[in-house]
């Protein structure tokens, strides 16, 4: 298990700062969903996965996906999460987890200290929560006891 803690991994009580999608407008309490690896406001659409609720007002009109939000990596989002999140090494090459996988795909065990998004001959590790700034590390919420 890696002890890496990235400077962009901000946690405040039950909130995380997560990268936000450009052109997102939300108010405190709006549903926050994962879309293409970024957080945006909930809508009536398929393929979205709920992340929690916005813990602050957000307006990223004219800002690119994943850009800094008020000097931080992203807005505060109230997220249901386990007591502990874990950082592991990212796989390399075509097996590497990318930003578009965050919040969308689960991570799979790829050795003693690494995770991947490749499912072939791999066991479930948990939900992908965040990538380090250089994408060499992956933060996951572990799925206890093999839960789906």
N, C-alpha and C. Protein backbone atom coordinates (compact mmCIF):
# COMPACT_ATOMS: atom_id res chain seq x y z
N UNK A 1 0.85 -1.17 0.00
CA UNK A 1 0.00 0.00 0.00
C UNK A 1 0.89 1.23 0.00
N UNK A 2 0.62 2.14 -0.86
CA UNK A 2 1.41 3.35 -0.97
C UNK A 2 1.00 4.36 0.09
N UNK A 3 1.95 5.14 0.57
CA UNK A 3 1.64 6.18 1.54
C UNK A 3 1.56 7.55 0.87
N UNK A 4 1.55 7.58 -0.45
CA UNK A 4 1.53 8.82 -1.21
C UNK A 4 0.28 9.64 -0.89
N UNK A 5 0.48 10.92 -0.64
CA UNK A 5 -0.64 11.84 -0.50
C UNK A 5 -0.33 13.03 -1.38
N UNK A 6 -1.06 13.20 -2.45
CA UNK A 6 -0.82 14.29 -3.38
C UNK A 6 -1.28 15.61 -2.82
N UNK A 7 -0.63 16.68 -3.19
CA UNK A 7 -1.00 18.00 -2.68
C UNK A 7 -2.36 18.43 -3.18
N UNK A 8 -2.86 17.80 -4.25
CA UNK A 8 -4.16 18.18 -4.78
C UNK A 8 -5.28 17.34 -4.19
N UNK A 9 -4.97 16.51 -3.19
CA UNK A 9 -6.00 15.67 -2.58
C UNK A 9 -6.49 16.35 -1.32
N UNK A 10 -7.44 17.23 -1.46
CA UNK A 10 -7.97 17.99 -0.33
C UNK A 10 -9.20 17.28 0.23
N UNK A 11 -9.21 17.11 1.54
CA UNK A 11 -10.33 16.44 2.20
C UNK A 11 -10.74 17.28 3.39
N UNK A 12 -12.00 17.53 3.52
CA UNK A 12 -12.53 18.31 4.63
C UNK A 12 -13.77 17.59 5.13
N UNK A 13 -13.66 17.00 6.32
CA UNK A 13 -14.76 16.23 6.90
C UNK A 13 -15.27 15.20 5.90
N UNK A 14 -16.52 15.33 5.48
CA UNK A 14 -17.10 14.37 4.54
C UNK A 14 -17.05 14.88 3.11
N UNK A 15 -16.12 15.77 2.82
CA UNK A 15 -16.02 16.35 1.48
C UNK A 15 -14.66 16.05 0.85
N UNK A 16 -14.64 15.98 -0.44
CA UNK A 16 -13.41 15.86 -1.22
C UNK A 16 -13.41 16.96 -2.27
N UNK A 17 -12.24 17.45 -2.63
CA UNK A 17 -12.12 18.36 -3.76
C UNK A 17 -11.84 17.49 -4.98
N UNK A 18 -12.75 17.53 -5.94
CA UNK A 18 -12.65 16.68 -7.12
C UNK A 18 -12.63 17.55 -8.38
N UNK A 19 -11.92 17.08 -9.40
CA UNK A 19 -11.82 17.83 -10.65
C UNK A 19 -13.20 18.01 -11.26
N UNK A 20 -13.48 19.24 -11.69
CA UNK A 20 -14.81 19.58 -12.20
C UNK A 20 -14.78 19.76 -13.71
N UNK A 21 -15.87 19.41 -14.34
CA UNK A 21 -16.05 19.56 -15.78
C UNK A 21 -16.25 21.04 -16.09
N UNK A 22 -15.73 21.49 -17.20
CA UNK A 22 -15.93 22.87 -17.63
C UNK A 22 -17.40 23.14 -17.91
N UNK A 23 -17.79 24.41 -17.82
CA UNK A 23 -19.16 24.84 -18.07
C UNK A 23 -20.18 24.19 -17.15
N UNK A 24 -19.78 23.95 -15.90
CA UNK A 24 -20.67 23.41 -14.88
C UNK A 24 -21.17 24.55 -14.00
N UNK A 25 -22.47 24.62 -13.80
CA UNK A 25 -23.07 25.59 -12.89
C UNK A 25 -23.92 24.80 -11.90
N UNK A 26 -23.58 24.90 -10.61
CA UNK A 26 -24.30 24.16 -9.57
C UNK A 26 -24.36 25.01 -8.31
N UNK A 27 -25.36 24.74 -7.50
CA UNK A 27 -25.47 25.41 -6.19
C UNK A 27 -25.36 24.35 -5.10
N UNK A 28 -25.07 24.81 -3.91
CA UNK A 28 -24.93 23.90 -2.77
C UNK A 28 -26.14 22.98 -2.71
N UNK A 29 -25.88 21.68 -2.59
CA UNK A 29 -26.96 20.70 -2.47
C UNK A 29 -27.33 20.02 -3.78
N UNK A 30 -26.90 20.59 -4.92
CA UNK A 30 -27.18 19.93 -6.21
C UNK A 30 -26.48 18.58 -6.27
N UNK A 31 -27.07 17.64 -6.98
CA UNK A 31 -26.46 16.33 -7.18
C UNK A 31 -25.21 16.48 -8.03
N UNK A 32 -24.11 15.87 -7.56
CA UNK A 32 -22.84 15.86 -8.29
C UNK A 32 -22.67 14.47 -8.91
N UNK A 33 -22.37 14.42 -10.21
CA UNK A 33 -22.20 13.14 -10.90
C UNK A 33 -20.86 13.11 -11.62
N UNK A 34 -20.39 11.89 -11.88
CA UNK A 34 -19.19 11.68 -12.69
C UNK A 34 -19.60 11.66 -14.14
N UNK A 35 -18.87 12.40 -14.96
CA UNK A 35 -19.10 12.40 -16.40
C UNK A 35 -17.76 12.57 -17.09
N UNK A 36 -17.31 11.53 -17.77
CA UNK A 36 -16.02 11.60 -18.47
C UNK A 36 -14.84 11.80 -17.54
N UNK A 37 -14.96 11.36 -16.29
CA UNK A 37 -13.87 11.47 -15.34
C UNK A 37 -13.86 12.77 -14.55
N UNK A 38 -14.86 13.60 -14.75
CA UNK A 38 -14.95 14.87 -14.04
C UNK A 38 -16.32 14.99 -13.36
N UNK A 39 -16.41 15.87 -12.37
CA UNK A 39 -17.66 16.11 -11.66
C UNK A 39 -18.45 17.18 -12.39
N UNK A 40 -19.75 16.96 -12.52
CA UNK A 40 -20.66 17.95 -13.08
C UNK A 40 -22.00 17.82 -12.35
N UNK A 41 -22.93 18.69 -12.68
CA UNK A 41 -24.23 18.67 -12.01
C UNK A 41 -25.11 17.56 -12.62
N UNK A 42 -25.92 16.93 -11.78
CA UNK A 42 -26.79 15.84 -12.23
C UNK A 42 -27.80 16.31 -13.26
N UNK A 43 -28.16 15.39 -14.15
CA UNK A 43 -29.16 15.68 -15.18
C UNK A 43 -29.87 14.38 -15.54
N UNK A 44 -30.98 14.51 -16.26
CA UNK A 44 -31.72 13.33 -16.71
C UNK A 44 -31.01 12.76 -17.92
N UNK A 45 -30.05 11.90 -17.69
CA UNK A 45 -29.25 11.30 -18.76
C UNK A 45 -28.76 9.93 -18.32
N UNK A 46 -28.44 9.10 -19.27
CA UNK A 46 -27.88 7.78 -18.95
C UNK A 46 -26.37 7.88 -18.87
N UNK A 47 -25.74 6.90 -18.24
CA UNK A 47 -24.29 6.82 -18.18
C UNK A 47 -23.64 7.66 -17.10
N UNK A 48 -24.43 8.34 -16.27
CA UNK A 48 -23.86 9.14 -15.19
C UNK A 48 -23.82 8.31 -13.91
N UNK A 49 -22.86 8.59 -13.04
CA UNK A 49 -22.75 7.89 -11.76
C UNK A 49 -22.69 8.94 -10.66
N UNK A 50 -23.60 8.85 -9.70
CA UNK A 50 -23.66 9.84 -8.63
C UNK A 50 -22.39 9.80 -7.78
N UNK A 51 -21.88 10.98 -7.45
CA UNK A 51 -20.70 11.10 -6.59
C UNK A 51 -21.07 11.62 -5.22
N UNK A 52 -22.17 12.37 -5.14
CA UNK A 52 -22.60 12.98 -3.89
C UNK A 52 -23.36 14.25 -4.20
N UNK A 53 -23.13 15.29 -3.38
CA UNK A 53 -23.76 16.59 -3.61
C UNK A 53 -22.70 17.69 -3.52
N UNK A 54 -22.95 18.78 -4.23
CA UNK A 54 -22.03 19.91 -4.18
C UNK A 54 -22.09 20.56 -2.80
N UNK A 55 -20.93 20.85 -2.22
CA UNK A 55 -20.85 21.47 -0.90
C UNK A 55 -20.57 22.96 -1.00
N UNK A 56 -20.50 23.46 -2.22
CA UNK A 56 -20.33 24.89 -2.45
C UNK A 56 -20.85 25.23 -3.84
N UNK A 57 -21.15 26.51 -4.05
CA UNK A 57 -21.61 26.95 -5.37
C UNK A 57 -20.46 26.82 -6.36
N UNK A 58 -20.80 26.43 -7.59
CA UNK A 58 -19.80 26.21 -8.63
C UNK A 58 -20.25 26.89 -9.92
N UNK A 59 -19.31 27.58 -10.55
CA UNK A 59 -19.56 28.13 -11.88
C UNK A 59 -18.24 28.07 -12.65
N UNK A 60 -18.14 27.10 -13.55
CA UNK A 60 -16.93 26.95 -14.35
C UNK A 60 -17.20 27.30 -15.82
N UNK A 61 -18.11 28.23 -16.03
CA UNK A 61 -18.43 28.67 -17.38
C UNK A 61 -17.16 29.18 -18.07
N UNK A 62 -16.87 28.64 -19.24
CA UNK A 62 -15.70 29.06 -20.02
C UNK A 62 -14.38 28.48 -19.55
N UNK A 63 -14.42 27.57 -18.57
CA UNK A 63 -13.20 26.96 -18.04
C UNK A 63 -13.09 25.54 -18.59
N UNK A 64 -11.89 25.09 -18.88
CA UNK A 64 -11.71 23.75 -19.44
C UNK A 64 -11.87 22.68 -18.35
N UNK A 65 -12.19 21.46 -18.78
CA UNK A 65 -12.35 20.33 -17.87
C UNK A 65 -11.09 20.16 -17.01
N UNK A 66 -11.27 20.03 -15.71
CA UNK A 66 -10.16 19.74 -14.81
C UNK A 66 -9.31 20.94 -14.42
N UNK A 67 -9.65 22.14 -14.88
CA UNK A 67 -8.87 23.33 -14.53
C UNK A 67 -9.05 23.65 -13.04
N UNK A 68 -8.11 24.40 -12.49
CA UNK A 68 -8.21 24.79 -11.08
C UNK A 68 -9.50 25.54 -10.83
N UNK A 69 -10.08 25.32 -9.66
CA UNK A 69 -11.31 25.98 -9.24
C UNK A 69 -11.00 26.80 -8.00
N UNK A 70 -11.05 28.12 -8.12
CA UNK A 70 -10.74 29.02 -7.01
C UNK A 70 -9.38 28.69 -6.37
N UNK A 71 -8.42 28.31 -7.20
CA UNK A 71 -7.08 28.00 -6.72
C UNK A 71 -6.90 26.58 -6.20
N UNK A 72 -7.98 25.79 -6.20
CA UNK A 72 -7.91 24.40 -5.75
C UNK A 72 -8.09 23.46 -6.94
N UNK A 73 -7.88 22.18 -6.69
CA UNK A 73 -8.05 21.18 -7.74
C UNK A 73 -9.50 21.10 -8.21
N UNK A 74 -10.44 21.45 -7.35
CA UNK A 74 -11.85 21.41 -7.73
C UNK A 74 -12.73 21.83 -6.57
N UNK A 75 -14.04 21.87 -6.79
CA UNK A 75 -14.94 22.27 -5.71
C UNK A 75 -15.11 21.16 -4.68
N UNK A 76 -15.61 21.55 -3.51
CA UNK A 76 -15.91 20.57 -2.47
C UNK A 76 -17.19 19.82 -2.83
N UNK A 77 -17.14 18.50 -2.72
CA UNK A 77 -18.28 17.64 -2.98
C UNK A 77 -18.48 16.75 -1.77
N UNK A 78 -19.71 16.74 -1.23
CA UNK A 78 -20.05 15.81 -0.15
C UNK A 78 -20.13 14.42 -0.75
N UNK A 79 -19.27 13.52 -0.30
CA UNK A 79 -19.27 12.18 -0.88
C UNK A 79 -19.42 11.13 0.21
N UNK A 80 -20.23 10.11 -0.07
CA UNK A 80 -20.26 8.98 0.85
C UNK A 80 -18.98 8.19 0.61
N UNK A 81 -18.20 7.98 1.63
CA UNK A 81 -16.93 7.29 1.45
C UNK A 81 -16.60 6.44 2.66
N UNK A 82 -15.75 5.47 2.46
CA UNK A 82 -15.33 4.65 3.60
C UNK A 82 -14.42 5.48 4.50
N UNK A 83 -14.05 4.91 5.63
CA UNK A 83 -13.19 5.62 6.57
C UNK A 83 -11.84 5.95 5.97
N UNK A 84 -11.40 5.18 5.01
CA UNK A 84 -10.06 5.37 4.49
C UNK A 84 -10.00 5.15 2.99
N UNK A 85 -9.25 6.00 2.34
CA UNK A 85 -8.97 5.85 0.91
C UNK A 85 -7.51 5.43 0.78
N UNK A 86 -7.19 4.71 -0.28
CA UNK A 86 -5.85 4.17 -0.45
C UNK A 86 -5.25 4.60 -1.78
N UNK A 87 -3.95 4.91 -1.76
CA UNK A 87 -3.20 5.25 -2.97
C UNK A 87 -2.36 4.06 -3.40
N UNK A 88 -2.41 3.74 -4.69
CA UNK A 88 -1.60 2.67 -5.25
C UNK A 88 -0.92 3.18 -6.51
N UNK A 89 0.11 2.45 -6.95
CA UNK A 89 0.76 2.78 -8.22
C UNK A 89 -0.21 2.52 -9.35
N UNK A 90 -0.12 3.33 -10.39
CA UNK A 90 -0.93 3.12 -11.59
C UNK A 90 -0.20 2.14 -12.50
N UNK A 91 -0.94 1.31 -13.19
CA UNK A 91 -0.36 0.43 -14.19
C UNK A 91 0.23 1.30 -15.30
N UNK A 92 0.97 0.69 -16.20
CA UNK A 92 1.59 1.46 -17.28
C UNK A 92 0.99 1.09 -18.63
N UNK A 93 1.31 1.88 -19.62
CA UNK A 93 0.87 1.61 -20.99
C UNK A 93 -0.63 1.56 -21.13
N UNK A 94 -1.10 0.61 -21.93
CA UNK A 94 -2.52 0.47 -22.21
C UNK A 94 -3.35 0.03 -21.01
N UNK A 95 -2.68 -0.45 -19.95
CA UNK A 95 -3.38 -0.87 -18.73
C UNK A 95 -3.55 0.26 -17.73
N UNK A 96 -2.98 1.42 -18.01
CA UNK A 96 -3.01 2.54 -17.06
C UNK A 96 -4.42 3.12 -16.91
N UNK A 97 -4.73 3.55 -15.72
CA UNK A 97 -5.98 4.24 -15.44
C UNK A 97 -5.79 5.70 -15.86
N UNK A 98 -6.77 6.25 -16.57
CA UNK A 98 -6.71 7.62 -17.06
C UNK A 98 -7.84 8.44 -16.43
N UNK A 99 -7.78 9.76 -16.60
CA UNK A 99 -8.77 10.65 -15.99
C UNK A 99 -10.20 10.26 -16.36
N UNK A 100 -10.42 9.82 -17.58
CA UNK A 100 -11.77 9.45 -18.02
C UNK A 100 -12.32 8.24 -17.25
N UNK A 101 -11.46 7.47 -16.58
CA UNK A 101 -11.88 6.31 -15.78
C UNK A 101 -12.36 6.71 -14.39
N UNK A 102 -11.95 7.89 -13.91
CA UNK A 102 -12.23 8.32 -12.54
C UNK A 102 -13.74 8.45 -12.33
N UNK A 103 -14.23 7.74 -11.31
CA UNK A 103 -15.64 7.78 -10.97
C UNK A 103 -16.53 6.99 -11.90
N UNK A 104 -15.95 6.40 -12.93
CA UNK A 104 -16.74 5.70 -13.94
C UNK A 104 -16.47 4.19 -13.91
N UNK A 105 -15.20 3.83 -13.91
CA UNK A 105 -14.80 2.43 -13.93
C UNK A 105 -14.21 2.02 -12.58
N UNK A 106 -14.31 0.75 -12.24
CA UNK A 106 -13.62 0.28 -11.04
C UNK A 106 -12.15 0.00 -11.34
N UNK A 107 -11.36 -0.08 -10.29
CA UNK A 107 -9.95 -0.47 -10.41
C UNK A 107 -9.82 -1.96 -10.11
N UNK A 108 -8.83 -2.58 -10.74
CA UNK A 108 -8.56 -4.01 -10.53
C UNK A 108 -7.11 -4.18 -10.07
N UNK A 109 -6.86 -5.22 -9.28
CA UNK A 109 -5.54 -5.48 -8.73
C UNK A 109 -4.59 -5.88 -9.87
N UNK A 110 -3.43 -5.21 -9.90
CA UNK A 110 -2.44 -5.46 -10.95
C UNK A 110 -1.07 -5.76 -10.33
N UNK A 111 -1.05 -6.47 -9.23
CA UNK A 111 0.19 -6.78 -8.53
C UNK A 111 0.10 -6.33 -7.09
N UNK A 112 1.21 -6.42 -6.37
CA UNK A 112 1.23 -6.13 -4.93
C UNK A 112 0.98 -4.67 -4.60
N UNK A 113 1.33 -3.75 -5.51
CA UNK A 113 1.21 -2.32 -5.21
C UNK A 113 0.62 -1.51 -6.34
N UNK A 114 -0.04 -2.16 -7.27
CA UNK A 114 -0.54 -1.43 -8.43
C UNK A 114 -1.97 -1.83 -8.77
N UNK A 115 -2.67 -0.91 -9.42
CA UNK A 115 -4.03 -1.16 -9.90
C UNK A 115 -4.12 -0.78 -11.38
N UNK A 116 -5.16 -1.31 -12.04
CA UNK A 116 -5.37 -1.11 -13.46
C UNK A 116 -6.86 -1.01 -13.73
N UNK A 117 -7.21 -0.63 -14.96
CA UNK A 117 -8.63 -0.66 -15.35
C UNK A 117 -8.93 -1.89 -16.21
N UNK A 118 -7.91 -2.73 -16.41
CA UNK A 118 -8.06 -3.94 -17.21
C UNK A 118 -8.70 -5.04 -16.36
N UNK A 119 -9.77 -5.65 -16.90
CA UNK A 119 -10.52 -6.65 -16.14
C UNK A 119 -10.04 -8.08 -16.38
N UNK A 120 -9.38 -8.34 -17.49
CA UNK A 120 -8.96 -9.70 -17.84
C UNK A 120 -8.02 -10.29 -16.80
N UNK A 121 -8.43 -11.41 -16.23
CA UNK A 121 -7.63 -12.14 -15.24
C UNK A 121 -7.24 -11.27 -14.04
N UNK A 122 -8.10 -10.34 -13.66
CA UNK A 122 -7.83 -9.45 -12.53
C UNK A 122 -8.99 -9.52 -11.54
N UNK A 123 -8.72 -9.17 -10.29
CA UNK A 123 -9.75 -9.13 -9.25
C UNK A 123 -10.08 -7.67 -8.92
N UNK A 124 -11.32 -7.45 -8.54
CA UNK A 124 -11.80 -6.12 -8.22
C UNK A 124 -11.06 -5.54 -7.01
N UNK A 125 -10.62 -4.28 -7.13
CA UNK A 125 -9.95 -3.60 -6.02
C UNK A 125 -10.87 -2.58 -5.38
N UNK A 126 -11.57 -1.77 -6.17
CA UNK A 126 -12.44 -0.75 -5.62
C UNK A 126 -12.76 0.33 -6.63
N UNK A 127 -13.38 1.41 -6.13
CA UNK A 127 -13.78 2.52 -6.99
C UNK A 127 -12.62 3.50 -7.15
N UNK A 128 -12.41 3.96 -8.38
CA UNK A 128 -11.38 4.95 -8.66
C UNK A 128 -11.91 6.31 -8.21
N UNK A 129 -11.19 6.96 -7.30
CA UNK A 129 -11.61 8.24 -6.74
C UNK A 129 -10.83 9.40 -7.35
N UNK A 130 -9.54 9.19 -7.61
CA UNK A 130 -8.69 10.31 -8.02
C UNK A 130 -7.37 9.81 -8.57
N UNK A 131 -6.75 10.61 -9.42
CA UNK A 131 -5.39 10.36 -9.91
C UNK A 131 -4.47 11.44 -9.33
N UNK A 132 -3.20 11.09 -9.10
CA UNK A 132 -2.23 12.11 -8.72
C UNK A 132 -2.03 13.05 -9.91
N UNK A 133 -1.41 14.18 -9.68
CA UNK A 133 -1.22 15.18 -10.74
C UNK A 133 -0.51 14.60 -11.96
N UNK A 134 0.45 13.70 -11.74
CA UNK A 134 1.18 13.11 -12.86
C UNK A 134 0.61 11.75 -13.29
N UNK A 135 -0.52 11.35 -12.70
CA UNK A 135 -1.23 10.10 -13.01
C UNK A 135 -0.42 8.84 -12.70
N UNK A 136 0.64 8.96 -11.90
CA UNK A 136 1.42 7.78 -11.55
C UNK A 136 0.82 7.02 -10.37
N UNK A 137 -0.07 7.68 -9.63
CA UNK A 137 -0.73 7.07 -8.47
C UNK A 137 -2.23 7.17 -8.64
N UNK A 138 -2.95 6.18 -8.07
CA UNK A 138 -4.41 6.12 -8.16
C UNK A 138 -4.96 5.99 -6.75
N UNK A 139 -5.93 6.83 -6.42
CA UNK A 139 -6.61 6.75 -5.13
C UNK A 139 -7.90 5.96 -5.33
N UNK A 140 -8.10 4.93 -4.51
CA UNK A 140 -9.31 4.13 -4.63
C UNK A 140 -9.98 3.94 -3.28
N UNK A 141 -11.28 3.73 -3.33
CA UNK A 141 -12.06 3.30 -2.17
C UNK A 141 -12.19 1.79 -2.32
N UNK A 142 -11.59 1.07 -1.42
CA UNK A 142 -11.55 -0.39 -1.52
C UNK A 142 -12.94 -0.99 -1.34
N UNK A 143 -13.25 -1.98 -2.15
CA UNK A 143 -14.50 -2.73 -2.05
C UNK A 143 -14.27 -3.85 -1.03
N UNK A 144 -14.77 -3.71 0.20
CA UNK A 144 -14.51 -4.73 1.20
C UNK A 144 -15.20 -6.05 0.90
N UNK A 145 -14.52 -7.12 1.22
CA UNK A 145 -15.07 -8.47 1.11
C UNK A 145 -15.57 -8.79 -0.28
N UNK A 146 -14.96 -8.21 -1.29
CA UNK A 146 -15.32 -8.55 -2.67
C UNK A 146 -16.68 -8.03 -3.10
N UNK A 147 -17.21 -7.02 -2.42
CA UNK A 147 -18.52 -6.47 -2.78
C UNK A 147 -18.49 -5.90 -4.19
N UNK A 148 -19.58 -6.02 -4.89
CA UNK A 148 -19.65 -5.50 -6.25
C UNK A 148 -20.01 -4.04 -6.26
